[in-house]
Amino acid sequence: MSESERVSEAVEQICATGCSQVRVVMAALAAGEEVAEAAGLSGAERHAVLVELQNIMAVYDAAGSCPVRFG
């Protein structure tokens, strides 16, 4: 499996968990923490996953379809 395929697979798995969990995973990746969906990926691949998730969530944020909930 190529790097881009591994990244795409991880992104798909993370996105399937829903908006709130995607935000949790993004925060963990940004902090350099390990997440199950990115297990076995290189540092560069984990960074690519984070960037892709940020891009995806920016679309949802702009559309207002995945609001941030506190509390």
PDB file of N, CA and C in Angstrom:
ATOM      1  N   MET A   1       0.853  -1.174   0.000  1.00  0.00           N
ATOM      2  CA  MET A   1       0.000   0.000   0.000  1.00  0.00           C
ATOM      3  C   MET A   1       0.897   1.235   0.000  1.00  0.00           C
ATOM      4  N   SER A   2       0.554   2.207  -0.833  1.00  0.00           N
ATOM      5  CA  SER A   2       1.360   3.423  -0.936  1.00  0.00           C
ATOM      6  C   SER A   2       1.079   4.366   0.246  1.00  0.00           C
ATOM      7  N   GLU A   3       1.953   5.364   0.380  1.00  0.00           N
ATOM      8  CA  GLU A   3       1.782   6.349   1.459  1.00  0.00           C
ATOM      9  C   GLU A   3       0.434   7.048   1.337  1.00  0.00           C
ATOM     10  N   SER A   4       0.083   7.464   0.140  1.00  0.00           N
ATOM     11  CA  SER A   4      -1.186   8.177  -0.033  1.00  0.00           C
ATOM     12  C   SER A   4      -2.384   7.277   0.266  1.00  0.00           C
ATOM     13  N   GLU A   5      -2.266   6.009  -0.037  1.00  0.00           N
ATOM     14  CA  GLU A   5      -3.348   5.067   0.293  1.00  0.00           C
ATOM     15  C   GLU A   5      -3.476   4.884   1.796  1.00  0.00           C
ATOM     16  N   ARG A   6      -2.342   4.803   2.500  1.00  0.00           N
ATOM     17  CA  ARG A   6      -2.372   4.666   3.966  1.00  0.00           C
ATOM     18  C   ARG A   6      -2.980   5.913   4.602  1.00  0.00           C
ATOM     19  N   VAL A   7      -2.603   7.075   4.097  1.00  0.00           N
ATOM     20  CA  VAL A   7      -3.142   8.333   4.620  1.00  0.00           C
ATOM     21  C   VAL A   7      -4.640   8.392   4.355  1.00  0.00           C
ATOM     22  N   SER A   8      -5.059   8.090   3.144  1.00  0.00           N
ATOM     23  CA  SER A   8      -6.484   8.119   2.792  1.00  0.00           C
ATOM     24  C   SER A   8      -7.290   7.158   3.649  1.00  0.00           C
ATOM     25  N   GLU A   9      -6.764   5.979   3.871  1.00  0.00           N
ATOM     26  CA  GLU A   9      -7.453   4.988   4.689  1.00  0.00           C
ATOM     27  C   GLU A   9      -7.632   5.490   6.120  1.00  0.00           C
ATOM     28  N   ALA A  10      -6.573   6.072   6.685  1.00  0.00           N
ATOM     29  CA  ALA A  10      -6.651   6.605   8.043  1.00  0.00           C
ATOM     30  C   ALA A  10      -7.666   7.748   8.121  1.00  0.00           C
ATOM     31  N   VAL A  11      -7.648   8.635   7.140  1.00  0.00           N
ATOM     32  CA  VAL A  11      -8.591   9.761   7.113  1.00  0.00           C
ATOM     33  C   VAL A  11     -10.023   9.237   7.039  1.00  0.00           C
ATOM     34  N   GLU A  12     -10.266   8.271   6.199  1.00  0.00           N
ATOM     35  CA  GLU A  12     -11.616   7.700   6.077  1.00  0.00           C
ATOM     36  C   GLU A  12     -12.075   7.080   7.387  1.00  0.00           C
ATOM     37  N   GLN A  13     -11.185   6.340   8.059  1.00  0.00           N
ATOM     38  CA  GLN A  13     -11.539   5.721   9.331  1.00  0.00           C
ATOM     39  C   GLN A  13     -11.866   6.775  10.381  1.00  0.00           C
ATOM     40  N   ILE A  14     -11.060   7.830  10.421  1.00  0.00           N
ATOM     41  CA  ILE A  14     -11.276   8.887  11.405  1.00  0.00           C
ATOM     42  C   ILE A  14     -12.579   9.623  11.109  1.00  0.00           C
ATOM     43  N   CYS A  15     -12.821   9.967   9.855  1.00  0.00           N
ATOM     44  CA  CYS A  15     -14.037  10.697   9.481  1.00  0.00           C
ATOM     45  C   CYS A  15     -15.296   9.887   9.789  1.00  0.00           C
ATOM     46  N   ALA A  16     -15.209   8.590   9.711  1.00  0.00           N
ATOM     47  CA  ALA A  16     -16.359   7.732   9.990  1.00  0.00           C
ATOM     48  C   ALA A  16     -16.799   7.800  11.450  1.00  0.00           C
ATOM     49  N   THR A  17     -15.944   8.340  12.321  1.00  0.00           N
ATOM     50  CA  THR A  17     -16.276   8.415  13.745  1.00  0.00           C
ATOM     51  C   THR A  17     -17.118   9.629  14.099  1.00  0.00           C
ATOM     52  N   GLY A  18     -17.271  10.575  13.171  1.00  0.00           N
ATOM     53  CA  GLY A  18     -18.100  11.753  13.417  1.00  0.00           C
ATOM     54  C   GLY A  18     -17.287  12.982  13.774  1.00  0.00           C
ATOM     55  N   CYS A  19     -17.947  14.125  13.641  1.00  0.00           N
ATOM     56  CA  CYS A  19     -17.284  15.427  13.794  1.00  0.00           C
ATOM     57  C   CYS A  19     -16.569  15.600  15.128  1.00  0.00           C
ATOM     58  N   SER A  20     -17.262  15.287  16.204  1.00  0.00           N
ATOM     59  CA  SER A  20     -16.669  15.510  17.528  1.00  0.00           C
ATOM     60  C   SER A  20     -15.401  14.695  17.705  1.00  0.00           C
ATOM     61  N   GLN A  21     -15.449  13.437  17.302  1.00  0.00           N
ATOM     62  CA  GLN A  21     -14.274  12.582  17.452  1.00  0.00           C
ATOM     63  C   GLN A  21     -13.165  13.010  16.509  1.00  0.00           C
ATOM     64  N   VAL A  22     -13.514  13.491  15.320  1.00  0.00           N
ATOM     65  CA  VAL A  22     -12.494  13.985  14.394  1.00  0.00           C
ATOM     66  C   VAL A  22     -11.717  15.119  15.061  1.00  0.00           C
ATOM     67  N   ARG A  23     -12.416  16.006  15.742  1.00  0.00           N
ATOM     68  CA  ARG A  23     -11.747  17.124  16.418  1.00  0.00           C
ATOM     69  C   ARG A  23     -10.815  16.620  17.533  1.00  0.00           C
ATOM     70  N   VAL A  24     -11.237  15.598  18.244  1.00  0.00           N
ATOM     71  CA  VAL A  24     -10.397  15.006  19.292  1.00  0.00           C
ATOM     72  C   VAL A  24      -9.129  14.420  18.671  1.00  0.00           C
ATOM     73  N   VAL A  25      -9.287  13.696  17.582  1.00  0.00           N
ATOM     74  CA  VAL A  25      -8.143  13.082  16.900  1.00  0.00           C
ATOM     75  C   VAL A  25      -7.214  14.157  16.353  1.00  0.00           C
ATOM     76  N   MET A  26      -7.792  15.223  15.784  1.00  0.00           N
ATOM     77  CA  MET A  26      -6.964  16.308  15.260  1.00  0.00           C
ATOM     78  C   MET A  26      -6.117  16.922  16.373  1.00  0.00           C
ATOM     79  N   ALA A  27      -6.712  17.146  17.520  1.00  0.00           N
ATOM     80  CA  ALA A  27      -5.974  17.727  18.645  1.00  0.00           C
ATOM     81  C   ALA A  27      -4.855  16.792  19.091  1.00  0.00           C
ATOM     82  N   ALA A  28      -5.148  15.505  19.131  1.00  0.00           N
ATOM     83  CA  ALA A  28      -4.133  14.525  19.532  1.00  0.00           C
ATOM     84  C   ALA A  28      -2.989  14.498  18.527  1.00  0.00           C
ATOM     85  N   LEU A  29      -3.310  14.470  17.252  1.00  0.00           N
ATOM     86  CA  LEU A  29      -2.262  14.463  16.231  1.00  0.00           C
ATOM     87  C   LEU A  29      -1.434  15.742  16.290  1.00  0.00           C
ATOM     88  N   ALA A  30      -2.093  16.877  16.488  1.00  0.00           N
ATOM     89  CA  ALA A  30      -1.381  18.153  16.565  1.00  0.00           C
ATOM     90  C   ALA A  30      -0.431  18.187  17.759  1.00  0.00           C
ATOM     91  N   ALA A  31      -0.795  17.462  18.813  1.00  0.00           N
ATOM     92  CA  ALA A  31       0.044  17.406  20.015  1.00  0.00           C
ATOM     93  C   ALA A  31       1.119  16.326  19.909  1.00  0.00           C
ATOM     94  N   GLY A  32       1.134  15.611  18.782  1.00  0.00           N
ATOM     95  CA  GLY A  32       2.134  14.561  18.591  1.00  0.00           C
ATOM     96  C   GLY A  32       1.791  13.252  19.263  1.00  0.00           C
ATOM     97  N   GLU A  33       0.554  13.097  19.666  1.00  0.00           N
ATOM     98  CA  GLU A  33       0.109  11.868  20.332  1.00  0.00           C
ATOM     99  C   GLU A  33      -0.237  10.795  19.311  1.00  0.00           C
ATOM    100  N   GLU A  34      -0.190   9.571  19.742  1.00  0.00           N
ATOM    101  CA  GLU A  34      -0.575   8.441  18.895  1.00  0.00           C
ATOM    102  C   GLU A  34      -2.090   8.296  18.913  1.00  0.00           C
ATOM    103  N   VAL A  35      -2.661   7.975  17.778  1.00  0.00           N
ATOM    104  CA  VAL A  35      -4.081   7.648  17.700  1.00  0.00           C
ATOM    105  C   VAL A  35      -4.210   6.312  16.992  1.00  0.00           C
ATOM    106  N   ALA A  36      -5.186   5.534  17.406  1.00  0.00           N
ATOM    107  CA  ALA A  36      -5.328   4.174  16.885  1.00  0.00           C
ATOM    108  C   ALA A  36      -5.448   4.137  15.371  1.00  0.00           C
ATOM    109  N   GLU A  37      -6.203   5.070  14.808  1.00  0.00           N
ATOM    110  CA  GLU A  37      -6.441   5.056  13.365  1.00  0.00           C
ATOM    111  C   GLU A  37      -5.186   5.358  12.550  1.00  0.00           C
ATOM    112  N   ALA A  38      -4.186   5.946  13.194  1.00  0.00           N
ATOM    113  CA  ALA A  38      -2.937   6.279  12.503  1.00  0.00           C
ATOM    114  C   ALA A  38      -1.775   5.413  12.976  1.00  0.00           C
ATOM    115  N   ALA A  39      -2.094   4.349  13.688  1.00  0.00           N
ATOM    116  CA  ALA A  39      -1.050   3.448  14.181  1.00  0.00           C
ATOM    117  C   ALA A  39      -0.273   2.884  13.001  1.00  0.00           C
ATOM    118  N   GLY A  40       1.026   2.878  13.110  1.00  0.00           N
ATOM    119  CA  GLY A  40       1.870   2.328  12.066  1.00  0.00           C
ATOM    120  C   GLY A  40       2.240   3.311  10.971  1.00  0.00           C
ATOM    121  N   LEU A  41       1.677   4.525  11.026  1.00  0.00           N
ATOM    122  CA  LEU A  41       2.038   5.526  10.028  1.00  0.00           C
ATOM    123  C   LEU A  41       3.294   6.265  10.470  1.00  0.00           C
ATOM    124  N   SER A  42       4.056   6.722   9.513  1.00  0.00           N
ATOM    125  CA  SER A  42       5.249   7.509   9.813  1.00  0.00           C
ATOM    126  C   SER A  42       4.830   8.892  10.303  1.00  0.00           C
ATOM    127  N   GLY A  43       5.778   9.645  10.815  1.00  0.00           N
ATOM    128  CA  GLY A  43       5.505  11.006  11.239  1.00  0.00           C
ATOM    129  C   GLY A  43       4.975  11.861  10.102  1.00  0.00           C
ATOM    130  N   ALA A  44       5.568  11.707   8.932  1.00  0.00           N
ATOM    131  CA  ALA A  44       5.119  12.461   7.760  1.00  0.00           C
ATOM    132  C   ALA A  44       3.697  12.066   7.368  1.00  0.00           C
ATOM    133  N   GLU A  45       3.378  10.795   7.466  1.00  0.00           N
ATOM    134  CA  GLU A  45       2.032  10.334   7.136  1.00  0.00           C
ATOM    135  C   GLU A  45       1.014  10.849   8.152  1.00  0.00           C
ATOM    136  N   ARG A  46       1.372  10.834   9.449  1.00  0.00           N
ATOM    137  CA  ARG A  46       0.472  11.371  10.473  1.00  0.00           C
ATOM    138  C   ARG A  46       0.235  12.857  10.236  1.00  0.00           C
ATOM    139  N   HIS A  47       1.281  13.582   9.837  1.00  0.00           N
ATOM    140  CA  HIS A  47       1.123  15.002   9.527  1.00  0.00           C
ATOM    141  C   HIS A  47       0.183  15.178   8.336  1.00  0.00           C
ATOM    142  N   ALA A  48       0.333  14.342   7.327  1.00  0.00           N
ATOM    143  CA  ALA A  48      -0.545  14.410   6.155  1.00  0.00           C
ATOM    144  C   ALA A  48      -1.994  14.127   6.540  1.00  0.00           C
ATOM    145  N   VAL A  49      -2.200  13.195   7.457  1.00  0.00           N
ATOM    146  CA  VAL A  49      -3.554  12.902   7.951  1.00  0.00           C
ATOM    147  C   VAL A  49      -4.116  14.147   8.634  1.00  0.00           C
ATOM    148  N   LEU A  50      -3.329  14.773   9.494  1.00  0.00           N
ATOM    149  CA  LEU A  50      -3.776  15.968  10.196  1.00  0.00           C
ATOM    150  C   LEU A  50      -4.148  17.076   9.208  1.00  0.00           C
ATOM    151  N   VAL A  51      -3.305  17.327   8.239  1.00  0.00           N
ATOM    152  CA  VAL A  51      -3.574  18.381   7.252  1.00  0.00           C
ATOM    153  C   VAL A  51      -4.858  18.076   6.487  1.00  0.00           C
ATOM    154  N   GLU A  52      -5.036  16.842   6.088  1.00  0.00           N
ATOM    155  CA  GLU A  52      -6.243  16.461   5.353  1.00  0.00           C
ATOM    156  C   GLU A  52      -7.483  16.631   6.229  1.00  0.00           C
ATOM    157  N   LEU A  53      -7.396  16.243   7.486  1.00  0.00           N
ATOM    158  CA  LEU A  53      -8.534  16.420   8.391  1.00  0.00           C
ATOM    159  C   LEU A  53      -8.845  17.900   8.593  1.00  0.00           C
ATOM    160  N   GLN A  54      -7.816  18.717   8.712  1.00  0.00           N
ATOM    161  CA  GLN A  54      -8.023  20.161   8.857  1.00  0.00           C
ATOM    162  C   GLN A  54      -8.732  20.725   7.633  1.00  0.00           C
ATOM    163  N   ASN A  55      -8.329  20.294   6.459  1.00  0.00           N
ATOM    164  CA  ASN A  55      -8.954  20.753   5.221  1.00  0.00           C
ATOM    165  C   ASN A  55     -10.422  20.325   5.145  1.00  0.00           C
ATOM    166  N   ILE A  56     -10.682  19.100   5.509  1.00  0.00           N
ATOM    167  CA  ILE A  56     -12.054  18.583   5.495  1.00  0.00           C
ATOM    168  C   ILE A  56     -12.917  19.345   6.491  1.00  0.00           C
ATOM    169  N   MET A  57     -12.413  19.520   7.697  1.00  0.00           N
ATOM    170  CA  MET A  57     -13.208  20.189   8.728  1.00  0.00           C
ATOM    171  C   MET A  57     -13.414  21.663   8.412  1.00  0.00           C
ATOM    172  N   ALA A  58     -12.509  22.278   7.690  1.00  0.00           N
ATOM    173  CA  ALA A  58     -12.686  23.675   7.291  1.00  0.00           C
ATOM    174  C   ALA A  58     -13.924  23.821   6.412  1.00  0.00           C
ATOM    175  N   VAL A  59     -14.181  22.842   5.571  1.00  0.00           N
ATOM    176  CA  VAL A  59     -15.372  22.868   4.718  1.00  0.00           C
ATOM    177  C   VAL A  59     -16.624  22.749   5.585  1.00  0.00           C
ATOM    178  N   TYR A  60     -16.618  21.810   6.526  1.00  0.00           N
ATOM    179  CA  TYR A  60     -17.767  21.643   7.418  1.00  0.00           C
ATOM    180  C   TYR A  60     -17.971  22.892   8.277  1.00  0.00           C
ATOM    181  N   ASP A  61     -16.891  23.476   8.765  1.00  0.00           N
ATOM    182  CA  ASP A  61     -16.986  24.680   9.590  1.00  0.00           C
ATOM    183  C   ASP A  61     -17.590  25.830   8.786  1.00  0.00           C
ATOM    184  N   ALA A  62     -17.146  26.002   7.555  1.00  0.00           N
ATOM    185  CA  ALA A  62     -17.651  27.083   6.705  1.00  0.00           C
ATOM    186  C   ALA A  62     -19.136  26.901   6.411  1.00  0.00           C
ATOM    187  N   ALA A  63     -19.556  25.666   6.294  1.00  0.00           N
ATOM    188  CA  ALA A  63     -20.959  25.369   6.003  1.00  0.00           C
ATOM    189  C   ALA A  63     -21.813  25.381   7.270  1.00  0.00           C
ATOM    190  N   GLY A  64     -21.162  25.371   8.431  1.00  0.00           N
ATOM    191  CA  GLY A  64     -21.897  25.347   9.685  1.00  0.00           C
ATOM    192  C   GLY A  64     -22.560  24.016   9.968  1.00  0.00           C
ATOM    193  N   SER A  65     -22.108  22.978   9.312  1.00  0.00           N
ATOM    194  CA  SER A  65     -22.761  21.680   9.451  1.00  0.00           C
ATOM    195  C   SER A  65     -22.132  20.785  10.514  1.00  0.00           C
ATOM    196  N   CYS A  66     -21.099  21.256  11.149  1.00  0.00           N
ATOM    197  CA  CYS A  66     -20.439  20.462  12.187  1.00  0.00           C
ATOM    198  C   CYS A  66     -19.958  21.419  13.274  1.00  0.00           C
ATOM    199  N   PRO A  67     -20.898  22.002  14.021  1.00  0.00           N
ATOM    200  CA  PRO A  67     -20.513  23.023  14.993  1.00  0.00           C
ATOM    201  C   PRO A  67     -19.673  22.458  16.132  1.00  0.00           C
ATOM    202  N   VAL A  68     -18.834  23.317  16.658  1.00  0.00           N
ATOM    203  CA  VAL A  68     -18.030  22.951  17.829  1.00  0.00           C
ATOM    204  C   VAL A  68     -18.930  23.073  19.042  1.00  0.00           C
ATOM    205  N   ARG A  69     -18.974  22.032  19.834  1.00  0.00           N
ATOM    206  CA  ARG A  69     -19.798  22.051  21.041  1.00  0.00           C
ATOM    207  C   ARG A  69     -18.884  21.984  22.252  1.00  0.00           C
ATOM    208  N   PHE A  70     -19.147  22.834  23.221  1.00  0.00           N
ATOM    209  CA  PHE A  70     -18.369  22.855  24.453  1.00  0.00           C
ATOM    210  C   PHE A  70     -19.243  22.386  25.598  1.00  0.00           C
ATOM    211  N   GLY A  71     -18.574  21.661  26.525  1.00  0.00           N
ATOM    212  CA  GLY A  71     -19.296  21.262  27.732  1.00  0.00           C
ATOM    213  C   GLY A  71     -19.878  19.953  27.682  1.00  0.00           C
TER     214      GLY A  71
END
